[in-house]
Amino acid sequence: MSGEKAPKLQEAFLNKLRKERVWVSLTLLNGERLYGYVVAFDLYCVLIKGYGDEEHLVYKHAIASISPQPGGEV
């Protein structure tokens, strides 16, 4: 896989989640899980808005997976 393709795939996936306000489970490398909507992202970070307007800015290198939750198909 080329180095250029990965960011484009990541950007397309995250942008779709953001635009459609899909509820996601974000699993961190330490096993912790965050739930919410993708509000914004850039080359290094993802901003998640969870329960009660709680926001988390997470560095991408700390993320193990991002999974749409039931009812939030991509």
N, C-alpha and C. Protein backbone atom coordinates (compact mmCIF):
# COMPACT_ATOMS: atom_id res chain seq x y z
N MET A 1 0.85 -1.18 0.00
CA MET A 1 0.00 0.00 0.00
C MET A 1 0.89 1.23 0.00
N SER A 2 0.58 2.18 -0.83
CA SER A 2 1.40 3.39 -0.90
C SER A 2 1.13 4.29 0.30
N GLY A 3 2.13 5.10 0.63
CA GLY A 3 2.00 6.03 1.75
C GLY A 3 0.95 7.09 1.51
N GLU A 4 0.68 7.43 0.25
CA GLU A 4 -0.31 8.46 -0.06
C GLU A 4 -1.73 7.95 0.11
N LYS A 5 -1.95 6.67 -0.09
CA LYS A 5 -3.30 6.12 -0.05
C LYS A 5 -3.87 6.09 1.37
N ALA A 6 -3.06 5.79 2.36
CA ALA A 6 -3.54 5.68 3.74
C ALA A 6 -4.21 6.96 4.23
N PRO A 7 -3.58 8.14 4.11
CA PRO A 7 -4.26 9.36 4.58
C PRO A 7 -5.56 9.63 3.83
N LYS A 8 -5.63 9.32 2.54
CA LYS A 8 -6.86 9.54 1.78
C LYS A 8 -7.97 8.64 2.29
N LEU A 9 -7.65 7.39 2.59
CA LEU A 9 -8.64 6.45 3.12
C LEU A 9 -9.11 6.90 4.50
N GLN A 10 -8.16 7.28 5.34
CA GLN A 10 -8.47 7.78 6.68
C GLN A 10 -9.37 9.00 6.61
N GLU A 11 -9.00 9.93 5.74
CA GLU A 11 -9.76 11.17 5.60
C GLU A 11 -11.19 10.89 5.11
N ALA A 12 -11.34 10.00 4.14
CA ALA A 12 -12.67 9.68 3.61
C ALA A 12 -13.53 9.04 4.70
N PHE A 13 -12.96 8.11 5.46
CA PHE A 13 -13.69 7.41 6.52
C PHE A 13 -14.12 8.39 7.62
N LEU A 14 -13.18 9.17 8.12
CA LEU A 14 -13.49 10.12 9.19
C LEU A 14 -14.45 11.21 8.73
N ASN A 15 -14.30 11.65 7.49
CA ASN A 15 -15.17 12.70 6.97
C ASN A 15 -16.61 12.20 6.85
N LYS A 16 -16.78 10.96 6.42
CA LYS A 16 -18.13 10.37 6.32
C LYS A 16 -18.76 10.26 7.72
N LEU A 17 -17.97 9.80 8.69
CA LEU A 17 -18.47 9.72 10.07
C LEU A 17 -18.88 11.10 10.58
N ARG A 18 -18.07 12.10 10.28
CA ARG A 18 -18.34 13.47 10.74
C ARG A 18 -19.59 14.04 10.08
N LYS A 19 -19.66 13.95 8.76
CA LYS A 19 -20.79 14.54 8.03
C LYS A 19 -22.12 13.90 8.38
N GLU A 20 -22.12 12.58 8.59
CA GLU A 20 -23.36 11.85 8.88
C GLU A 20 -23.65 11.75 10.38
N ARG A 21 -22.80 12.35 11.19
CA ARG A 21 -22.94 12.32 12.67
C ARG A 21 -23.19 10.91 13.17
N VAL A 22 -22.32 10.01 12.77
CA VAL A 22 -22.41 8.61 13.19
C VAL A 22 -21.82 8.46 14.59
N TRP A 23 -22.56 7.82 15.48
CA TRP A 23 -22.08 7.54 16.84
C TRP A 23 -21.01 6.46 16.74
N VAL A 24 -19.83 6.71 17.31
CA VAL A 24 -18.72 5.77 17.19
C VAL A 24 -18.17 5.36 18.55
N SER A 25 -17.50 4.23 18.54
CA SER A 25 -16.71 3.78 19.67
C SER A 25 -15.25 3.92 19.25
N LEU A 26 -14.50 4.68 20.00
CA LEU A 26 -13.10 4.91 19.71
C LEU A 26 -12.29 4.16 20.78
N THR A 27 -11.56 3.14 20.39
CA THR A 27 -10.77 2.35 21.33
C THR A 27 -9.32 2.84 21.29
N LEU A 28 -8.80 3.16 22.46
CA LEU A 28 -7.42 3.63 22.56
C LEU A 28 -6.48 2.46 22.75
N LEU A 29 -5.20 2.69 22.54
CA LEU A 29 -4.20 1.63 22.68
C LEU A 29 -4.13 1.09 24.11
N ASN A 30 -4.50 1.91 25.10
CA ASN A 30 -4.48 1.44 26.49
C ASN A 30 -5.75 0.68 26.87
N GLY A 31 -6.67 0.48 25.90
CA GLY A 31 -7.89 -0.27 26.13
C GLY A 31 -9.10 0.58 26.50
N GLU A 32 -8.87 1.83 26.84
CA GLU A 32 -9.98 2.73 27.19
C GLU A 32 -10.85 2.97 25.95
N ARG A 33 -12.15 3.12 26.17
CA ARG A 33 -13.08 3.40 25.07
C ARG A 33 -13.75 4.74 25.28
N LEU A 34 -13.85 5.47 24.19
CA LEU A 34 -14.58 6.74 24.18
C LEU A 34 -15.73 6.59 23.19
N TYR A 35 -16.86 7.21 23.50
CA TYR A 35 -18.02 7.14 22.62
C TYR A 35 -18.44 8.55 22.26
N GLY A 36 -18.85 8.73 21.03
CA GLY A 36 -19.35 10.04 20.62
C GLY A 36 -19.36 10.20 19.12
N TYR A 37 -19.47 11.46 18.71
CA TYR A 37 -19.47 11.82 17.30
C TYR A 37 -18.12 12.44 16.94
N VAL A 38 -17.67 12.19 15.73
CA VAL A 38 -16.47 12.86 15.23
C VAL A 38 -16.88 14.28 14.87
N VAL A 39 -16.29 15.26 15.55
CA VAL A 39 -16.59 16.66 15.31
C VAL A 39 -15.63 17.24 14.29
N ALA A 40 -14.35 16.88 14.43
CA ALA A 40 -13.31 17.39 13.54
C ALA A 40 -12.10 16.47 13.62
N PHE A 41 -11.24 16.62 12.63
CA PHE A 41 -9.99 15.86 12.62
C PHE A 41 -8.99 16.58 11.74
N ASP A 42 -7.73 16.28 11.98
CA ASP A 42 -6.67 16.79 11.12
C ASP A 42 -5.64 15.68 10.95
N LEU A 43 -4.46 16.03 10.53
CA LEU A 43 -3.43 15.04 10.26
C LEU A 43 -3.03 14.26 11.52
N TYR A 44 -3.15 14.88 12.70
CA TYR A 44 -2.65 14.27 13.92
C TYR A 44 -3.70 13.93 14.97
N CYS A 45 -4.87 14.58 14.94
CA CYS A 45 -5.85 14.46 16.03
C CYS A 45 -7.26 14.20 15.52
N VAL A 46 -8.08 13.67 16.43
CA VAL A 46 -9.52 13.51 16.19
C VAL A 46 -10.24 14.11 17.39
N LEU A 47 -11.23 14.96 17.13
CA LEU A 47 -12.03 15.56 18.19
C LEU A 47 -13.36 14.83 18.24
N ILE A 48 -13.67 14.26 19.42
CA ILE A 48 -14.89 13.48 19.64
C ILE A 48 -15.78 14.23 20.63
N LYS A 49 -17.06 14.35 20.31
CA LYS A 49 -18.03 14.95 21.24
C LYS A 49 -18.92 13.84 21.75
N GLY A 50 -18.87 13.61 23.06
CA GLY A 50 -19.60 12.49 23.66
C GLY A 50 -20.81 12.92 24.44
N TYR A 51 -21.13 12.13 25.45
CA TYR A 51 -22.29 12.38 26.30
C TYR A 51 -22.17 13.73 27.00
N GLY A 52 -23.28 14.44 27.09
CA GLY A 52 -23.31 15.70 27.83
C GLY A 52 -22.37 16.75 27.29
N ASP A 53 -22.18 16.79 25.99
CA ASP A 53 -21.30 17.77 25.33
C ASP A 53 -19.84 17.67 25.78
N GLU A 54 -19.45 16.54 26.34
CA GLU A 54 -18.07 16.30 26.74
C GLU A 54 -17.22 16.11 25.47
N GLU A 55 -16.10 16.81 25.39
CA GLU A 55 -15.24 16.71 24.20
C GLU A 55 -13.90 16.09 24.56
N HIS A 56 -13.37 15.28 23.64
CA HIS A 56 -12.06 14.66 23.80
C HIS A 56 -11.25 14.90 22.55
N LEU A 57 -10.07 15.46 22.70
CA LEU A 57 -9.14 15.61 21.60
C LEU A 57 -8.12 14.49 21.75
N VAL A 58 -8.10 13.58 20.78
CA VAL A 58 -7.27 12.38 20.88
C VAL A 58 -6.26 12.36 19.74
N TYR A 59 -5.00 12.13 20.07
CA TYR A 59 -3.98 11.98 19.04
C TYR A 59 -4.18 10.66 18.31
N LYS A 60 -4.08 10.69 16.99
CA LYS A 60 -4.32 9.49 16.18
C LYS A 60 -3.38 8.35 16.55
N HIS A 61 -2.15 8.66 16.96
CA HIS A 61 -1.21 7.58 17.28
C HIS A 61 -1.63 6.81 18.54
N ALA A 62 -2.60 7.34 19.30
CA ALA A 62 -3.09 6.66 20.50
C ALA A 62 -4.35 5.83 20.22
N ILE A 63 -4.85 5.87 18.98
CA ILE A 63 -6.10 5.18 18.64
C ILE A 63 -5.81 3.80 18.07
N ALA A 64 -6.48 2.78 18.64
CA ALA A 64 -6.37 1.42 18.11
C ALA A 64 -7.42 1.19 17.04
N SER A 65 -8.67 1.65 17.28
CA SER A 65 -9.73 1.47 16.28
C SER A 65 -10.85 2.48 16.49
N ILE A 66 -11.58 2.72 15.39
CA ILE A 66 -12.78 3.55 15.42
C ILE A 66 -13.88 2.72 14.78
N SER A 67 -14.94 2.45 15.54
CA SER A 67 -16.02 1.58 15.06
C SER A 67 -17.37 2.27 15.14
N PRO A 68 -18.10 2.31 14.02
CA PRO A 68 -19.47 2.83 14.07
C PRO A 68 -20.31 1.92 14.97
N GLN A 69 -21.20 2.50 15.74
CA GLN A 69 -22.06 1.73 16.64
C GLN A 69 -23.38 1.41 15.95
N PRO A 70 -24.11 0.42 16.47
CA PRO A 70 -25.39 0.03 15.85
C PRO A 70 -26.28 1.24 15.60
N GLY A 71 -26.84 1.27 14.40
CA GLY A 71 -27.65 2.41 13.99
C GLY A 71 -26.82 3.50 13.36
N GLY A 72 -25.51 3.33 13.36
CA GLY A 72 -24.61 4.31 12.78
C GLY A 72 -23.79 3.70 11.67
N GLU A 73 -24.45 3.16 10.67
CA GLU A 73 -23.76 2.47 9.56
C GLU A 73 -22.93 3.44 8.73
N VAL A 74 -21.82 2.94 8.20
CA VAL A 74 -21.00 3.74 7.28
C VAL A 74 -21.00 3.06 5.94
